[in-house]
mmCIF file of all heavy atoms, coordinates in Angstrom:
data_MODEL
# 
_entry.id   MODEL 
# 
loop_
_atom_site.group_PDB 
_atom_site.id 
_atom_site.type_symbol 
_atom_site.label_atom_id 
_atom_site.label_alt_id 
_atom_site.label_comp_id 
_atom_site.label_asym_id 
_atom_site.label_entity_id 
_atom_site.label_seq_id 
_atom_site.pdbx_PDB_ins_code 
_atom_site.Cartn_x 
_atom_site.Cartn_y 
_atom_site.Cartn_z 
_atom_site.occupancy 
_atom_site.B_iso_or_equiv 
_atom_site.pdbx_formal_charge 
_atom_site.auth_seq_id 
_atom_site.auth_comp_id 
_atom_site.auth_asym_id 
_atom_site.auth_atom_id 
_atom_site.pdbx_PDB_model_num 
ATOM 1   N N   . TRP A 1 1  ? 13.995  11.304 2.136  1.00 0.00 ? 1  TRP A N   1 
ATOM 2   C CA  . TRP A 1 1  ? 14.082  10.131 2.992  1.00 0.00 ? 1  TRP A CA  1 
ATOM 3   C C   . TRP A 1 1  ? 12.874  9.208  2.870  1.00 0.00 ? 1  TRP A C   1 
ATOM 4   O O   . TRP A 1 1  ? 12.844  8.146  3.478  1.00 0.00 ? 1  TRP A O   1 
ATOM 5   C CB  . TRP A 1 1  ? 14.272  10.545 4.458  1.00 0.00 ? 1  TRP A CB  1 
ATOM 6   C CG  . TRP A 1 1  ? 13.339  11.608 4.943  1.00 0.00 ? 1  TRP A CG  1 
ATOM 7   C CD1 . TRP A 1 1  ? 13.587  12.945 5.001  1.00 0.00 ? 1  TRP A CD1 1 
ATOM 8   C CD2 . TRP A 1 1  ? 12.010  11.426 5.422  1.00 0.00 ? 1  TRP A CD2 1 
ATOM 9   N NE1 . TRP A 1 1  ? 12.491  13.615 5.486  1.00 0.00 ? 1  TRP A NE1 1 
ATOM 10  C CE2 . TRP A 1 1  ? 11.518  12.713 5.759  1.00 0.00 ? 1  TRP A CE2 1 
ATOM 11  C CE3 . TRP A 1 1  ? 11.190  10.322 5.609  1.00 0.00 ? 1  TRP A CE3 1 
ATOM 12  C CZ2 . TRP A 1 1  ? 10.233  12.906 6.259  1.00 0.00 ? 1  TRP A CZ2 1 
ATOM 13  C CZ3 . TRP A 1 1  ? 9.914   10.504 6.109  1.00 0.00 ? 1  TRP A CZ3 1 
ATOM 14  C CH2 . TRP A 1 1  ? 9.461   11.802 6.429  1.00 0.00 ? 1  TRP A CH2 1 
ATOM 15  N N   . ILE A 1 2  ? 11.881  9.584  2.076  1.00 0.00 ? 2  ILE A N   1 
ATOM 16  C CA  . ILE A 1 2  ? 10.764  8.670  1.815  1.00 0.00 ? 2  ILE A CA  1 
ATOM 17  C C   . ILE A 1 2  ? 11.204  7.659  0.765  1.00 0.00 ? 2  ILE A C   1 
ATOM 18  O O   . ILE A 1 2  ? 11.524  8.022  -0.362 1.00 0.00 ? 2  ILE A O   1 
ATOM 19  C CB  . ILE A 1 2  ? 9.512   9.432  1.343  1.00 0.00 ? 2  ILE A CB  1 
ATOM 20  C CG1 . ILE A 1 2  ? 8.982   10.339 2.455  1.00 0.00 ? 2  ILE A CG1 1 
ATOM 21  C CG2 . ILE A 1 2  ? 8.429   8.452  0.902  1.00 0.00 ? 2  ILE A CG2 1 
ATOM 22  C CD1 . ILE A 1 2  ? 7.754   11.124 2.068  1.00 0.00 ? 2  ILE A CD1 1 
ATOM 23  N N   . ARG A 1 3  ? 11.224  6.392  1.154  1.00 0.00 ? 3  ARG A N   1 
ATOM 24  C CA  . ARG A 1 3  ? 11.699  5.348  0.262  1.00 0.00 ? 3  ARG A CA  1 
ATOM 25  C C   . ARG A 1 3  ? 10.531  4.485  -0.214 1.00 0.00 ? 3  ARG A C   1 
ATOM 26  O O   . ARG A 1 3  ? 9.705   4.074  0.591  1.00 0.00 ? 3  ARG A O   1 
ATOM 27  C CB  . ARG A 1 3  ? 12.714  4.463  0.994  1.00 0.00 ? 3  ARG A CB  1 
ATOM 28  C CG  . ARG A 1 3  ? 13.817  5.244  1.715  1.00 0.00 ? 3  ARG A CG  1 
ATOM 29  C CD  . ARG A 1 3  ? 14.744  5.960  0.752  1.00 0.00 ? 3  ARG A CD  1 
ATOM 30  N NE  . ARG A 1 3  ? 15.723  6.778  1.466  1.00 0.00 ? 3  ARG A NE  1 
ATOM 31  C CZ  . ARG A 1 3  ? 16.856  6.320  1.989  1.00 0.00 ? 3  ARG A CZ  1 
ATOM 32  N NH1 . ARG A 1 3  ? 17.153  5.043  1.905  1.00 0.00 ? 3  ARG A NH1 1 
ATOM 33  N NH2 . ARG A 1 3  ? 17.696  7.150  2.589  1.00 0.00 ? 3  ARG A NH2 1 
ATOM 34  N N   . PRO A 1 4  ? 10.466  4.196  -1.510 1.00 0.00 ? 4  PRO A N   1 
ATOM 35  C CA  . PRO A 1 4  ? 9.359   3.386  -2.020 1.00 0.00 ? 4  PRO A CA  1 
ATOM 36  C C   . PRO A 1 4  ? 9.424   1.951  -1.514 1.00 0.00 ? 4  PRO A C   1 
ATOM 37  O O   . PRO A 1 4  ? 10.485  1.402  -1.253 1.00 0.00 ? 4  PRO A O   1 
ATOM 38  C CB  . PRO A 1 4  ? 9.549   3.454  -3.539 1.00 0.00 ? 4  PRO A CB  1 
ATOM 39  C CG  . PRO A 1 4  ? 11.005  3.748  -3.716 1.00 0.00 ? 4  PRO A CG  1 
ATOM 40  C CD  . PRO A 1 4  ? 11.410  4.614  -2.568 1.00 0.00 ? 4  PRO A CD  1 
ATOM 41  N N   . ALA A 1 5  ? 8.258   1.352  -1.379 1.00 0.00 ? 5  ALA A N   1 
ATOM 42  C CA  . ALA A 1 5  ? 8.141   -0.043 -0.958 1.00 0.00 ? 5  ALA A CA  1 
ATOM 43  C C   . ALA A 1 5  ? 7.126   -0.730 -1.864 1.00 0.00 ? 5  ALA A C   1 
ATOM 44  O O   . ALA A 1 5  ? 6.402   -0.071 -2.613 1.00 0.00 ? 5  ALA A O   1 
ATOM 45  C CB  . ALA A 1 5  ? 7.694   -0.109 0.493  1.00 0.00 ? 5  ALA A CB  1 
ATOM 46  N N   . PRO A 1 6  ? 7.069   -2.039 -1.824 1.00 0.00 ? 6  PRO A N   1 
ATOM 47  C CA  . PRO A 1 6  ? 6.088   -2.740 -2.667 1.00 0.00 ? 6  PRO A CA  1 
ATOM 48  C C   . PRO A 1 6  ? 4.662   -2.302 -2.331 1.00 0.00 ? 6  PRO A C   1 
ATOM 49  O O   . PRO A 1 6  ? 4.360   -1.987 -1.180 1.00 0.00 ? 6  PRO A O   1 
ATOM 50  C CB  . PRO A 1 6  ? 6.309   -4.214 -2.300 1.00 0.00 ? 6  PRO A CB  1 
ATOM 51  C CG  . PRO A 1 6  ? 7.691   -4.277 -1.756 1.00 0.00 ? 6  PRO A CG  1 
ATOM 52  C CD  . PRO A 1 6  ? 7.919   -2.970 -1.065 1.00 0.00 ? 6  PRO A CD  1 
ATOM 53  N N   . PRO A 1 7  ? 3.785   -2.254 -3.318 1.00 0.00 ? 7  PRO A N   1 
ATOM 54  C CA  . PRO A 1 7  ? 2.381   -1.902 -3.055 1.00 0.00 ? 7  PRO A CA  1 
ATOM 55  C C   . PRO A 1 7  ? 1.719   -2.928 -2.152 1.00 0.00 ? 7  PRO A C   1 
ATOM 56  O O   . PRO A 1 7  ? 2.164   -4.076 -2.046 1.00 0.00 ? 7  PRO A O   1 
ATOM 57  C CB  . PRO A 1 7  ? 1.752   -1.876 -4.447 1.00 0.00 ? 7  PRO A CB  1 
ATOM 58  C CG  . PRO A 1 7  ? 2.647   -2.719 -5.287 1.00 0.00 ? 7  PRO A CG  1 
ATOM 59  C CD  . PRO A 1 7  ? 4.020   -2.562 -4.736 1.00 0.00 ? 7  PRO A CD  1 
ATOM 60  N N   . GLN A 1 8  ? 0.652   -2.492 -1.499 1.00 0.00 ? 8  GLN A N   1 
ATOM 61  C CA  . GLN A 1 8  ? -0.081  -3.372 -0.590 1.00 0.00 ? 8  GLN A CA  1 
ATOM 62  C C   . GLN A 1 8  ? -1.538  -3.423 -1.001 1.00 0.00 ? 8  GLN A C   1 
ATOM 63  O O   . GLN A 1 8  ? -2.164  -2.382 -1.238 1.00 0.00 ? 8  GLN A O   1 
ATOM 64  C CB  . GLN A 1 8  ? 0.025   -2.847 0.844  1.00 0.00 ? 8  GLN A CB  1 
ATOM 65  C CG  . GLN A 1 8  ? -0.866  -3.547 1.848  1.00 0.00 ? 8  GLN A CG  1 
ATOM 66  C CD  . GLN A 1 8  ? -0.510  -5.018 2.024  1.00 0.00 ? 8  GLN A CD  1 
ATOM 67  O OE1 . GLN A 1 8  ? 0.648   -5.392 1.913  1.00 0.00 ? 8  GLN A OE1 1 
ATOM 68  N NE2 . GLN A 1 8  ? -1.501  -5.845 2.295  1.00 0.00 ? 8  GLN A NE2 1 
ATOM 69  N N   . THR A 1 9  ? -2.073  -4.608 -1.079 1.00 0.00 ? 9  THR A N   1 
ATOM 70  C CA  . THR A 1 9  ? -3.484  -4.804 -1.401 1.00 0.00 ? 9  THR A CA  1 
ATOM 71  C C   . THR A 1 9  ? -4.263  -5.104 -0.133 1.00 0.00 ? 9  THR A C   1 
ATOM 72  O O   . THR A 1 9  ? -3.888  -5.976 0.658  1.00 0.00 ? 9  THR A O   1 
ATOM 73  C CB  . THR A 1 9  ? -3.668  -5.942 -2.408 1.00 0.00 ? 9  THR A CB  1 
ATOM 74  O OG1 . THR A 1 9  ? -2.983  -5.610 -3.628 1.00 0.00 ? 9  THR A OG1 1 
ATOM 75  C CG2 . THR A 1 9  ? -5.142  -6.152 -2.725 1.00 0.00 ? 9  THR A CG2 1 
ATOM 76  N N   . TYR A 1 10 ? -5.342  -4.348 0.069  1.00 0.00 ? 10 TYR A N   1 
ATOM 77  C CA  . TYR A 1 10 ? -6.221  -4.525 1.219  1.00 0.00 ? 10 TYR A CA  1 
ATOM 78  C C   . TYR A 1 10 ? -7.613  -4.926 0.727  1.00 0.00 ? 10 TYR A C   1 
ATOM 79  O O   . TYR A 1 10 ? -8.000  -4.602 -0.403 1.00 0.00 ? 10 TYR A O   1 
ATOM 80  C CB  . TYR A 1 10 ? -6.358  -3.231 2.023  1.00 0.00 ? 10 TYR A CB  1 
ATOM 81  C CG  . TYR A 1 10 ? -5.084  -2.731 2.650  1.00 0.00 ? 10 TYR A CG  1 
ATOM 82  C CD1 . TYR A 1 10 ? -4.290  -1.782 1.995  1.00 0.00 ? 10 TYR A CD1 1 
ATOM 83  C CD2 . TYR A 1 10 ? -4.683  -3.177 3.907  1.00 0.00 ? 10 TYR A CD2 1 
ATOM 84  C CE1 . TYR A 1 10 ? -3.132  -1.303 2.580  1.00 0.00 ? 10 TYR A CE1 1 
ATOM 85  C CE2 . TYR A 1 10 ? -3.532  -2.696 4.498  1.00 0.00 ? 10 TYR A CE2 1 
ATOM 86  C CZ  . TYR A 1 10 ? -2.753  -1.762 3.831  1.00 0.00 ? 10 TYR A CZ  1 
ATOM 87  O OH  . TYR A 1 10 ? -1.601  -1.295 4.417  1.00 0.00 ? 10 TYR A OH  1 
ATOM 88  N N   . LEU A 1 11 ? -8.340  -5.575 1.609  1.00 0.00 ? 11 LEU A N   1 
ATOM 89  C CA  . LEU A 1 11 ? -9.760  -5.820 1.374  1.00 0.00 ? 11 LEU A CA  1 
ATOM 90  C C   . LEU A 1 11 ? -10.515 -4.729 2.127  1.00 0.00 ? 11 LEU A C   1 
ATOM 91  O O   . LEU A 1 11 ? -10.611 -4.755 3.360  1.00 0.00 ? 11 LEU A O   1 
ATOM 92  C CB  . LEU A 1 11 ? -10.160 -7.204 1.881  1.00 0.00 ? 11 LEU A CB  1 
ATOM 93  C CG  . LEU A 1 11 ? -11.545 -7.699 1.463  1.00 0.00 ? 11 LEU A CG  1 
ATOM 94  C CD1 . LEU A 1 11 ? -11.606 -7.902 -0.052 1.00 0.00 ? 11 LEU A CD1 1 
ATOM 95  C CD2 . LEU A 1 11 ? -11.884 -8.998 2.185  1.00 0.00 ? 11 LEU A CD2 1 
ATOM 96  N N   . VAL A 1 12 ? -11.013 -3.747 1.374  1.00 0.00 ? 12 VAL A N   1 
ATOM 97  C CA  . VAL A 1 12 ? -11.647 -2.569 1.957  1.00 0.00 ? 12 VAL A CA  1 
ATOM 98  C C   . VAL A 1 12 ? -13.141 -2.629 1.678  1.00 0.00 ? 12 VAL A C   1 
ATOM 99  O O   . VAL A 1 12 ? -13.569 -2.547 0.523  1.00 0.00 ? 12 VAL A O   1 
ATOM 100 C CB  . VAL A 1 12 ? -11.040 -1.272 1.380  1.00 0.00 ? 12 VAL A CB  1 
ATOM 101 C CG1 . VAL A 1 12 ? -11.681 -0.042 2.005  1.00 0.00 ? 12 VAL A CG1 1 
ATOM 102 C CG2 . VAL A 1 12 ? -9.530  -1.253 1.605  1.00 0.00 ? 12 VAL A CG2 1 
ATOM 103 N N   . GLU A 1 13 ? -13.921 -2.787 2.740  1.00 0.00 ? 13 GLU A N   1 
ATOM 104 C CA  . GLU A 1 13 ? -15.374 -2.914 2.594  1.00 0.00 ? 13 GLU A CA  1 
ATOM 105 C C   . GLU A 1 13 ? -15.738 -4.018 1.604  1.00 0.00 ? 13 GLU A C   1 
ATOM 106 O O   . GLU A 1 13 ? -16.656 -3.865 0.786  1.00 0.00 ? 13 GLU A O   1 
ATOM 107 C CB  . GLU A 1 13 ? -15.996 -1.589 2.138  1.00 0.00 ? 13 GLU A CB  1 
ATOM 108 C CG  . GLU A 1 13 ? -15.700 -0.405 3.039  1.00 0.00 ? 13 GLU A CG  1 
ATOM 109 C CD  . GLU A 1 13 ? -16.579 -0.350 4.277  1.00 0.00 ? 13 GLU A CD  1 
ATOM 110 O OE1 . GLU A 1 13 ? -16.254 -1.058 5.258  1.00 0.00 ? 13 GLU A OE1 1 
ATOM 111 O OE2 . GLU A 1 13 ? -17.572 0.387  4.278  1.00 0.00 ? 13 GLU A OE2 1 
ATOM 112 N N   . GLY A 1 14 ? -14.979 -5.110 1.645  1.00 0.00 ? 14 GLY A N   1 
ATOM 113 C CA  . GLY A 1 14 ? -15.277 -6.260 0.813  1.00 0.00 ? 14 GLY A CA  1 
ATOM 114 C C   . GLY A 1 14 ? -14.711 -6.204 -0.594 1.00 0.00 ? 14 GLY A C   1 
ATOM 115 O O   . GLY A 1 14 ? -14.895 -7.143 -1.363 1.00 0.00 ? 14 GLY A O   1 
ATOM 116 N N   . GLN A 1 15 ? -13.993 -5.128 -0.946 1.00 0.00 ? 15 GLN A N   1 
ATOM 117 C CA  . GLN A 1 15 ? -13.418 -5.001 -2.287 1.00 0.00 ? 15 GLN A CA  1 
ATOM 118 C C   . GLN A 1 15 ? -11.902 -4.846 -2.188 1.00 0.00 ? 15 GLN A C   1 
ATOM 119 O O   . GLN A 1 15 ? -11.404 -4.118 -1.329 1.00 0.00 ? 15 GLN A O   1 
ATOM 120 C CB  . GLN A 1 15 ? -14.012 -3.798 -3.021 1.00 0.00 ? 15 GLN A CB  1 
ATOM 121 C CG  . GLN A 1 15 ? -15.502 -3.922 -3.282 1.00 0.00 ? 15 GLN A CG  1 
ATOM 122 C CD  . GLN A 1 15 ? -16.032 -2.800 -4.162 1.00 0.00 ? 15 GLN A CD  1 
ATOM 123 O OE1 . GLN A 1 15 ? -15.311 -1.890 -4.528 1.00 0.00 ? 15 GLN A OE1 1 
ATOM 124 N NE2 . GLN A 1 15 ? -17.303 -2.879 -4.492 1.00 0.00 ? 15 GLN A NE2 1 
ATOM 125 N N   . GLU A 1 16 ? -11.201 -5.526 -3.074 1.00 0.00 ? 16 GLU A N   1 
ATOM 126 C CA  . GLU A 1 16 ? -9.745  -5.403 -3.081 1.00 0.00 ? 16 GLU A CA  1 
ATOM 127 C C   . GLU A 1 16 ? -9.330  -4.037 -3.610 1.00 0.00 ? 16 GLU A C   1 
ATOM 128 O O   . GLU A 1 16 ? -9.856  -3.551 -4.618 1.00 0.00 ? 16 GLU A O   1 
ATOM 129 C CB  . GLU A 1 16 ? -9.118  -6.500 -3.940 1.00 0.00 ? 16 GLU A CB  1 
ATOM 130 C CG  . GLU A 1 16 ? -9.105  -7.858 -3.276 1.00 0.00 ? 16 GLU A CG  1 
ATOM 131 C CD  . GLU A 1 16 ? -8.209  -8.847 -4.001 1.00 0.00 ? 16 GLU A CD  1 
ATOM 132 O OE1 . GLU A 1 16 ? -7.682  -8.505 -5.088 1.00 0.00 ? 16 GLU A OE1 1 
ATOM 133 O OE2 . GLU A 1 16 ? -8.020  -9.955 -3.476 1.00 0.00 ? 16 GLU A OE2 1 
ATOM 134 N N   . ARG A 1 17 ? -8.362  -3.426 -2.918 1.00 0.00 ? 17 ARG A N   1 
ATOM 135 C CA  . ARG A 1 17 ? -7.813  -2.155 -3.378 1.00 0.00 ? 17 ARG A CA  1 
ATOM 136 C C   . ARG A 1 17 ? -6.322  -2.139 -3.066 1.00 0.00 ? 17 ARG A C   1 
ATOM 137 O O   . ARG A 1 17 ? -5.911  -2.503 -1.969 1.00 0.00 ? 17 ARG A O   1 
ATOM 138 C CB  . ARG A 1 17 ? -8.508  -0.970 -2.715 1.00 0.00 ? 17 ARG A CB  1 
ATOM 139 C CG  . ARG A 1 17 ? -7.877  0.344  -3.148 1.00 0.00 ? 17 ARG A CG  1 
ATOM 140 C CD  . ARG A 1 17 ? -8.725  1.526  -2.919 1.00 0.00 ? 17 ARG A CD  1 
ATOM 141 N NE  . ARG A 1 17 ? -8.015  2.716  -3.348 1.00 0.00 ? 17 ARG A NE  1 
ATOM 142 C CZ  . ARG A 1 17 ? -8.429  3.948  -3.147 1.00 0.00 ? 17 ARG A CZ  1 
ATOM 143 N NH1 . ARG A 1 17 ? -9.567  4.171  -2.511 1.00 0.00 ? 17 ARG A NH1 1 
ATOM 144 N NH2 . ARG A 1 17 ? -7.721  4.986  -3.564 1.00 0.00 ? 17 ARG A NH2 1 
ATOM 145 N N   . THR A 1 18 ? -5.543  -1.714 -4.049 1.00 0.00 ? 18 THR A N   1 
ATOM 146 C CA  . THR A 1 18 ? -4.089  -1.687 -3.897 1.00 0.00 ? 18 THR A CA  1 
ATOM 147 C C   . THR A 1 18 ? -3.608  -0.254 -3.689 1.00 0.00 ? 18 THR A C   1 
ATOM 148 O O   . THR A 1 18 ? -3.988  0.658  -4.440 1.00 0.00 ? 18 THR A O   1 
ATOM 149 C CB  . THR A 1 18 ? -3.409  -2.303 -5.124 1.00 0.00 ? 18 THR A CB  1 
ATOM 150 O OG1 . THR A 1 18 ? -3.839  -3.662 -5.267 1.00 0.00 ? 18 THR A OG1 1 
ATOM 151 C CG2 . THR A 1 18 ? -1.891  -2.280 -4.979 1.00 0.00 ? 18 THR A CG2 1 
ATOM 152 N N   . TYR A 1 19 ? -2.783  -0.072 -2.671 1.00 0.00 ? 19 TYR A N   1 
ATOM 153 C CA  . TYR A 1 19 ? -2.204  1.226  -2.346 1.00 0.00 ? 19 TYR A CA  1 
ATOM 154 C C   . TYR A 1 19 ? -0.695  1.170  -2.553 1.00 0.00 ? 19 TYR A C   1 
ATOM 155 O O   . TYR A 1 19 ? -0.067  0.137  -2.286 1.00 0.00 ? 19 TYR A O   1 
ATOM 156 C CB  . TYR A 1 19 ? -2.483  1.590  -0.880 1.00 0.00 ? 19 TYR A CB  1 
ATOM 157 C CG  . TYR A 1 19 ? -3.937  1.865  -0.586 1.00 0.00 ? 19 TYR A CG  1 
ATOM 158 C CD1 . TYR A 1 19 ? -4.836  0.817  -0.372 1.00 0.00 ? 19 TYR A CD1 1 
ATOM 159 C CD2 . TYR A 1 19 ? -4.418  3.161  -0.502 1.00 0.00 ? 19 TYR A CD2 1 
ATOM 160 C CE1 . TYR A 1 19 ? -6.174  1.064  -0.097 1.00 0.00 ? 19 TYR A CE1 1 
ATOM 161 C CE2 . TYR A 1 19 ? -5.757  3.413  -0.226 1.00 0.00 ? 19 TYR A CE2 1 
ATOM 162 C CZ  . TYR A 1 19 ? -6.626  2.363  -0.022 1.00 0.00 ? 19 TYR A CZ  1 
ATOM 163 O OH  . TYR A 1 19 ? -7.945  2.613  0.250  1.00 0.00 ? 19 TYR A OH  1 
ATOM 164 N N   . PRO A 1 20 ? -0.095  2.266  -3.021 1.00 0.00 ? 20 PRO A N   1 
ATOM 165 C CA  . PRO A 1 20 ? 1.364   2.278  -3.146 1.00 0.00 ? 20 PRO A CA  1 
ATOM 166 C C   . PRO A 1 20 ? 2.012   2.167  -1.779 1.00 0.00 ? 20 PRO A C   1 
ATOM 167 O O   . PRO A 1 20 ? 1.497   2.689  -0.785 1.00 0.00 ? 20 PRO A O   1 
ATOM 168 C CB  . PRO A 1 20 ? 1.663   3.635  -3.793 1.00 0.00 ? 20 PRO A CB  1 
ATOM 169 C CG  . PRO A 1 20 ? 0.475   4.481  -3.469 1.00 0.00 ? 20 PRO A CG  1 
ATOM 170 C CD  . PRO A 1 20 ? -0.693  3.552  -3.405 1.00 0.00 ? 20 PRO A CD  1 
ATOM 171 N N   . GLY A 1 21 ? 3.144   1.476  -1.702 1.00 0.00 ? 21 GLY A N   1 
ATOM 172 C CA  . GLY A 1 21 ? 3.843   1.325  -0.431 1.00 0.00 ? 21 GLY A CA  1 
ATOM 173 C C   . GLY A 1 21 ? 4.823   2.462  -0.193 1.00 0.00 ? 21 GLY A C   1 
ATOM 174 O O   . GLY A 1 21 ? 5.258   3.153  -1.116 1.00 0.00 ? 21 GLY A O   1 
ATOM 175 N N   . SER A 1 22 ? 5.161   2.679  1.052  1.00 0.00 ? 22 SER A N   1 
ATOM 176 C CA  . SER A 1 22 ? 6.204   3.655  1.430  1.00 0.00 ? 22 SER A CA  1 
ATOM 177 C C   . SER A 1 22 ? 6.770   3.195  2.757  1.00 0.00 ? 22 SER A C   1 
ATOM 178 O O   . SER A 1 22 ? 6.316   3.594  3.810  1.00 0.00 ? 22 SER A O   1 
ATOM 179 C CB  . SER A 1 22 ? 5.638   5.069  1.534  1.00 0.00 ? 22 SER A CB  1 
ATOM 180 O OG  . SER A 1 22 ? 4.453   5.085  2.292  1.00 0.00 ? 22 SER A OG  1 
ATOM 181 N N   . ASP A 1 23 ? 7.785   2.343  2.684  1.00 0.00 ? 23 ASP A N   1 
ATOM 182 C CA  . ASP A 1 23 ? 8.183   1.583  3.870  1.00 0.00 ? 23 ASP A CA  1 
ATOM 183 C C   . ASP A 1 23 ? 8.786   2.449  4.969  1.00 0.00 ? 23 ASP A C   1 
ATOM 184 O O   . ASP A 1 23 ? 8.798   2.040  6.133  1.00 0.00 ? 23 ASP A O   1 
ATOM 185 C CB  . ASP A 1 23 ? 9.148   0.466  3.500  1.00 0.00 ? 23 ASP A CB  1 
ATOM 186 C CG  . ASP A 1 23 ? 10.426  0.940  2.837  1.00 0.00 ? 23 ASP A CG  1 
ATOM 187 O OD1 . ASP A 1 23 ? 10.533  2.132  2.483  1.00 0.00 ? 23 ASP A OD1 1 
ATOM 188 O OD2 . ASP A 1 23 ? 11.329  0.102  2.666  1.00 0.00 ? 23 ASP A OD2 1 
ATOM 189 N N   . GLU A 1 24 ? 9.284   3.637  4.626  1.00 0.00 ? 24 GLU A N   1 
ATOM 190 C CA  . GLU A 1 24 ? 9.843   4.480  5.675  1.00 0.00 ? 24 GLU A CA  1 
ATOM 191 C C   . GLU A 1 24 ? 9.170   5.842  5.708  1.00 0.00 ? 24 GLU A C   1 
ATOM 192 O O   . GLU A 1 24 ? 9.690   6.795  6.252  1.00 0.00 ? 24 GLU A O   1 
ATOM 193 C CB  . GLU A 1 24 ? 11.358  4.593  5.498  1.00 0.00 ? 24 GLU A CB  1 
ATOM 194 C CG  . GLU A 1 24 ? 12.020  3.245  5.773  1.00 0.00 ? 24 GLU A CG  1 
ATOM 195 C CD  . GLU A 1 24 ? 13.518  3.271  5.628  1.00 0.00 ? 24 GLU A CD  1 
ATOM 196 O OE1 . GLU A 1 24 ? 14.002  3.723  4.593  1.00 0.00 ? 24 GLU A OE1 1 
ATOM 197 O OE2 . GLU A 1 24 ? 14.198  2.814  6.556  1.00 0.00 ? 24 GLU A OE2 1 
ATOM 198 N N   . PHE A 1 25 ? 8.010   5.930  5.122  1.00 0.00 ? 25 PHE A N   1 
ATOM 199 C CA  . PHE A 1 25 ? 7.160   7.112  5.255  1.00 0.00 ? 25 PHE A CA  1 
ATOM 200 C C   . PHE A 1 25 ? 6.722   7.206  6.711  1.00 0.00 ? 25 PHE A C   1 
ATOM 201 O O   . PHE A 1 25 ? 6.102   6.303  7.242  1.00 0.00 ? 25 PHE A O   1 
ATOM 202 C CB  . PHE A 1 25 ? 5.931   6.948  4.361  1.00 0.00 ? 25 PHE A CB  1 
ATOM 203 C CG  . PHE A 1 25 ? 5.047   8.160  4.271  1.00 0.00 ? 25 PHE A CG  1 
ATOM 204 C CD1 . PHE A 1 25 ? 5.162   9.025  3.206  1.00 0.00 ? 25 PHE A CD1 1 
ATOM 205 C CD2 . PHE A 1 25 ? 4.098   8.430  5.233  1.00 0.00 ? 25 PHE A CD2 1 
ATOM 206 C CE1 . PHE A 1 25 ? 4.338   10.125 3.093  1.00 0.00 ? 25 PHE A CE1 1 
ATOM 207 C CE2 . PHE A 1 25 ? 3.269   9.527  5.137  1.00 0.00 ? 25 PHE A CE2 1 
ATOM 208 C CZ  . PHE A 1 25 ? 3.391   10.379 4.055  1.00 0.00 ? 25 PHE A CZ  1 
# 
């Protein structure tokens, strides 16, 4: 039931980092 979602990019401590998405995790 874990369905993939688009990745999300965050600004973490001033640096961009992309995490895989999981829209129904």
